[in-house]
N, C-alpha and C. Protein backbone atom coordinates (compact mmCIF):
# COMPACT_ATOMS: atom_id res chain seq x y z
N MET A 1 15.26 2.44 -19.83
CA MET A 1 16.03 1.23 -19.79
C MET A 1 15.54 0.36 -18.63
N LEU A 2 15.62 -0.95 -18.81
CA LEU A 2 15.26 -1.89 -17.76
C LEU A 2 16.53 -2.34 -17.04
N VAL A 3 16.55 -2.17 -15.73
CA VAL A 3 17.74 -2.48 -14.94
C VAL A 3 17.41 -3.60 -13.96
N PRO A 4 18.08 -4.76 -14.09
CA PRO A 4 17.87 -5.83 -13.11
C PRO A 4 18.56 -5.46 -11.79
N VAL A 5 17.83 -5.59 -10.70
CA VAL A 5 18.33 -5.17 -9.40
C VAL A 5 18.21 -6.31 -8.39
N VAL A 6 19.16 -6.35 -7.48
CA VAL A 6 19.12 -7.27 -6.34
C VAL A 6 19.16 -6.42 -5.08
N VAL A 7 18.26 -6.73 -4.15
CA VAL A 7 18.26 -6.07 -2.84
C VAL A 7 18.51 -7.14 -1.78
N GLU A 8 19.51 -6.93 -0.95
CA GLU A 8 19.81 -7.83 0.16
C GLU A 8 19.40 -7.14 1.46
N VAL A 9 18.64 -7.84 2.28
CA VAL A 9 18.20 -7.32 3.57
C VAL A 9 18.77 -8.22 4.66
N THR A 10 19.50 -7.62 5.59
CA THR A 10 20.10 -8.37 6.68
C THR A 10 19.85 -7.63 8.00
N LEU A 11 19.87 -8.39 9.07
CA LEU A 11 19.74 -7.77 10.39
C LEU A 11 20.98 -6.93 10.67
N ARG A 12 20.77 -5.80 11.33
CA ARG A 12 21.89 -4.94 11.69
C ARG A 12 22.80 -5.65 12.69
N SER A 13 24.04 -5.26 12.69
CA SER A 13 25.01 -5.79 13.65
C SER A 13 24.49 -5.54 15.06
N GLY A 14 24.60 -6.54 15.92
CA GLY A 14 24.14 -6.40 17.29
C GLY A 14 22.71 -6.84 17.52
N ILE A 15 21.95 -7.05 16.45
CA ILE A 15 20.58 -7.54 16.57
C ILE A 15 20.63 -9.07 16.58
N ALA A 16 19.97 -9.68 17.55
CA ALA A 16 19.96 -11.14 17.64
C ALA A 16 19.36 -11.75 16.38
N ASP A 17 19.95 -12.85 15.92
CA ASP A 17 19.49 -13.53 14.71
C ASP A 17 19.16 -14.99 15.07
N PRO A 18 17.95 -15.25 15.56
CA PRO A 18 17.61 -16.61 15.97
C PRO A 18 17.64 -17.61 14.81
N GLU A 19 17.28 -17.18 13.61
CA GLU A 19 17.32 -18.09 12.46
C GLU A 19 18.76 -18.50 12.16
N GLY A 20 19.66 -17.53 12.14
CA GLY A 20 21.07 -17.83 11.91
C GLY A 20 21.64 -18.73 12.99
N ALA A 21 21.26 -18.49 14.25
CA ALA A 21 21.74 -19.31 15.36
C ALA A 21 21.25 -20.75 15.24
N THR A 22 20.00 -20.93 14.83
CA THR A 22 19.45 -22.28 14.65
C THR A 22 20.19 -23.02 13.55
N ILE A 23 20.46 -22.34 12.46
CA ILE A 23 21.21 -22.95 11.35
C ILE A 23 22.61 -23.33 11.82
N GLU A 24 23.25 -22.43 12.54
CA GLU A 24 24.62 -22.70 13.01
C GLU A 24 24.67 -23.91 13.93
N ARG A 25 23.67 -24.04 14.82
CA ARG A 25 23.64 -25.19 15.73
C ARG A 25 23.40 -26.50 14.98
N ALA A 26 22.70 -26.47 13.85
CA ALA A 26 22.38 -27.68 13.09
C ALA A 26 23.54 -28.15 12.21
N LEU A 27 24.46 -27.29 11.88
CA LEU A 27 25.52 -27.62 10.93
C LEU A 27 26.39 -28.82 11.33
N PRO A 28 26.87 -28.92 12.57
CA PRO A 28 27.71 -30.08 12.92
C PRO A 28 27.01 -31.42 12.72
N ALA A 29 25.72 -31.48 13.01
CA ALA A 29 24.96 -32.72 12.84
C ALA A 29 24.87 -33.12 11.36
N LEU A 30 25.04 -32.15 10.49
CA LEU A 30 24.99 -32.40 9.05
C LEU A 30 26.38 -32.59 8.45
N GLY A 31 27.40 -32.58 9.32
CA GLY A 31 28.76 -32.81 8.84
C GLY A 31 29.52 -31.56 8.45
N PHE A 32 28.98 -30.40 8.74
CA PHE A 32 29.66 -29.14 8.42
C PHE A 32 30.30 -28.60 9.69
N THR A 33 31.62 -28.63 9.74
CA THR A 33 32.33 -28.11 10.91
C THR A 33 33.12 -26.88 10.50
N GLY A 34 33.49 -26.09 11.49
CA GLY A 34 34.30 -24.91 11.22
C GLY A 34 33.51 -23.74 10.66
N VAL A 35 32.18 -23.81 10.70
CA VAL A 35 31.34 -22.71 10.21
C VAL A 35 30.81 -21.96 11.42
N SER A 36 30.96 -20.64 11.42
CA SER A 36 30.48 -19.85 12.55
C SER A 36 29.96 -18.50 12.06
N ALA A 37 29.38 -17.77 12.99
CA ALA A 37 28.86 -16.42 12.72
C ALA A 37 27.81 -16.44 11.60
N VAL A 38 26.92 -17.42 11.63
CA VAL A 38 25.88 -17.54 10.60
C VAL A 38 24.83 -16.46 10.81
N ARG A 39 24.52 -15.73 9.77
CA ARG A 39 23.47 -14.70 9.79
C ARG A 39 22.53 -14.99 8.63
N ALA A 40 21.25 -14.91 8.88
CA ALA A 40 20.25 -15.14 7.84
C ALA A 40 19.79 -13.78 7.30
N GLY A 41 19.25 -13.79 6.10
CA GLY A 41 18.74 -12.56 5.50
C GLY A 41 17.76 -12.87 4.40
N LYS A 42 17.39 -11.84 3.66
CA LYS A 42 16.45 -11.98 2.55
C LYS A 42 17.09 -11.38 1.30
N LEU A 43 16.75 -11.96 0.15
CA LEU A 43 17.23 -11.45 -1.12
C LEU A 43 16.03 -11.25 -2.03
N PHE A 44 15.94 -10.08 -2.64
CA PHE A 44 14.87 -9.76 -3.58
C PHE A 44 15.49 -9.43 -4.92
N GLN A 45 14.88 -9.93 -5.99
CA GLN A 45 15.32 -9.62 -7.35
C GLN A 45 14.14 -9.02 -8.11
N PHE A 46 14.38 -7.93 -8.82
CA PHE A 46 13.33 -7.33 -9.64
C PHE A 46 13.96 -6.43 -10.68
N THR A 47 13.15 -5.94 -11.58
CA THR A 47 13.61 -5.06 -12.65
C THR A 47 12.99 -3.68 -12.44
N VAL A 48 13.81 -2.65 -12.61
CA VAL A 48 13.36 -1.27 -12.47
C VAL A 48 13.51 -0.58 -13.81
N GLU A 49 12.47 0.11 -14.22
CA GLU A 49 12.55 0.92 -15.44
C GLU A 49 12.96 2.32 -15.03
N ALA A 50 14.11 2.77 -15.55
CA ALA A 50 14.64 4.08 -15.20
C ALA A 50 15.53 4.58 -16.33
N GLU A 51 15.86 5.86 -16.27
CA GLU A 51 16.70 6.47 -17.30
C GLU A 51 18.15 5.98 -17.22
N THR A 52 18.64 5.74 -15.98
CA THR A 52 20.02 5.31 -15.78
C THR A 52 20.08 4.25 -14.69
N GLU A 53 21.22 3.57 -14.59
CA GLU A 53 21.41 2.61 -13.51
C GLU A 53 21.40 3.31 -12.16
N VAL A 54 21.96 4.50 -12.09
CA VAL A 54 21.99 5.26 -10.84
C VAL A 54 20.57 5.56 -10.37
N ALA A 55 19.71 5.97 -11.30
CA ALA A 55 18.31 6.25 -10.95
C ALA A 55 17.59 4.98 -10.53
N ALA A 56 17.88 3.87 -11.20
CA ALA A 56 17.26 2.59 -10.84
C ALA A 56 17.67 2.17 -9.44
N LEU A 57 18.94 2.33 -9.10
CA LEU A 57 19.42 1.98 -7.76
C LEU A 57 18.81 2.88 -6.69
N ALA A 58 18.65 4.14 -7.01
CA ALA A 58 18.02 5.06 -6.06
C ALA A 58 16.58 4.64 -5.79
N GLN A 59 15.86 4.27 -6.84
CA GLN A 59 14.48 3.82 -6.68
C GLN A 59 14.43 2.49 -5.90
N ALA A 60 15.32 1.57 -6.22
CA ALA A 60 15.36 0.29 -5.51
C ALA A 60 15.71 0.47 -4.04
N THR A 61 16.61 1.38 -3.75
CA THR A 61 16.99 1.66 -2.36
C THR A 61 15.81 2.24 -1.59
N ALA A 62 15.10 3.17 -2.19
CA ALA A 62 13.93 3.76 -1.54
C ALA A 62 12.86 2.70 -1.30
N LEU A 63 12.63 1.84 -2.30
CA LEU A 63 11.66 0.75 -2.16
C LEU A 63 12.07 -0.18 -1.03
N ALA A 64 13.34 -0.52 -0.95
CA ALA A 64 13.83 -1.43 0.08
C ALA A 64 13.65 -0.83 1.47
N GLN A 65 13.90 0.45 1.61
CA GLN A 65 13.78 1.09 2.92
C GLN A 65 12.33 1.28 3.35
N ARG A 66 11.44 1.48 2.40
CA ARG A 66 10.03 1.73 2.74
C ARG A 66 9.18 0.48 2.80
N LEU A 67 9.56 -0.58 2.08
CA LEU A 67 8.68 -1.75 1.99
C LEU A 67 9.37 -3.07 2.35
N LEU A 68 10.58 -3.28 1.87
CA LEU A 68 11.21 -4.59 1.98
C LEU A 68 11.96 -4.82 3.28
N SER A 69 12.22 -3.77 4.03
CA SER A 69 12.98 -3.93 5.26
C SER A 69 12.38 -3.10 6.39
N ASN A 70 12.81 -3.43 7.59
CA ASN A 70 12.49 -2.63 8.77
C ASN A 70 13.75 -1.86 9.11
N PRO A 71 13.84 -0.58 8.75
CA PRO A 71 15.09 0.16 8.92
C PRO A 71 15.55 0.31 10.36
N VAL A 72 14.69 -0.01 11.33
CA VAL A 72 15.10 0.06 12.73
C VAL A 72 16.06 -1.08 13.06
N ILE A 73 15.83 -2.27 12.48
CA ILE A 73 16.64 -3.44 12.83
C ILE A 73 17.35 -4.07 11.64
N GLU A 74 17.06 -3.61 10.41
CA GLU A 74 17.64 -4.23 9.22
C GLU A 74 18.35 -3.22 8.34
N ASP A 75 19.37 -3.70 7.64
CA ASP A 75 20.06 -2.93 6.61
C ASP A 75 19.63 -3.49 5.25
N ALA A 76 19.45 -2.62 4.30
CA ALA A 76 19.09 -3.03 2.94
C ALA A 76 20.11 -2.44 1.97
N THR A 77 20.62 -3.30 1.08
CA THR A 77 21.60 -2.87 0.09
C THR A 77 21.11 -3.25 -1.29
N ALA A 78 21.08 -2.27 -2.18
CA ALA A 78 20.66 -2.52 -3.56
C ALA A 78 21.88 -2.49 -4.47
N ARG A 79 21.87 -3.38 -5.48
CA ARG A 79 22.94 -3.39 -6.48
C ARG A 79 22.35 -3.84 -7.81
N VAL A 80 23.03 -3.49 -8.86
CA VAL A 80 22.63 -3.96 -10.18
C VAL A 80 22.97 -5.44 -10.27
N ALA A 81 22.03 -6.23 -10.72
CA ALA A 81 22.23 -7.68 -10.83
C ALA A 81 23.19 -7.99 -11.97
N VAL A 82 24.05 -8.95 -11.74
CA VAL A 82 24.95 -9.42 -12.79
C VAL A 82 24.19 -10.43 -13.61
N THR A 83 24.10 -10.20 -14.90
CA THR A 83 23.39 -11.14 -15.76
C THR A 83 24.41 -11.98 -16.51
N PRO A 84 24.17 -13.29 -16.60
CA PRO A 84 25.12 -14.16 -17.30
C PRO A 84 25.16 -13.83 -18.79
N HIS A 85 26.31 -14.05 -19.38
CA HIS A 85 26.46 -13.82 -20.81
C HIS A 85 25.75 -14.92 -21.59
N SER A 86 25.14 -14.55 -22.68
CA SER A 86 24.44 -15.54 -23.52
C SER A 86 25.40 -16.27 -24.41
C-alpha cells in the first residue's frame, strides 16, 4: 500500500531559533500584533510503500532521524497525511 506521510522537523525546546526570532521582529511592521513565540521548522511530504500505515510511519520516522533532521538539536515527527476527499 502507498501511504502519504508528512514529517515535521522543529528545533528542540531551548535551542535558539534565529529564523523564528527574525520573523517575530518583522511582524509588527507588517501589521501583525499579538504574535509571539515564533518558531520556524521544516515540513516534508512523501509517499512510503509499506504493508501497513504503522510500518510506513516507522520507516518515515527512521528516515527523518537519519536524513531529514539533526537529532542533537531537532525533533522530527511523522504522521499519515490527511488527503482531501474527492
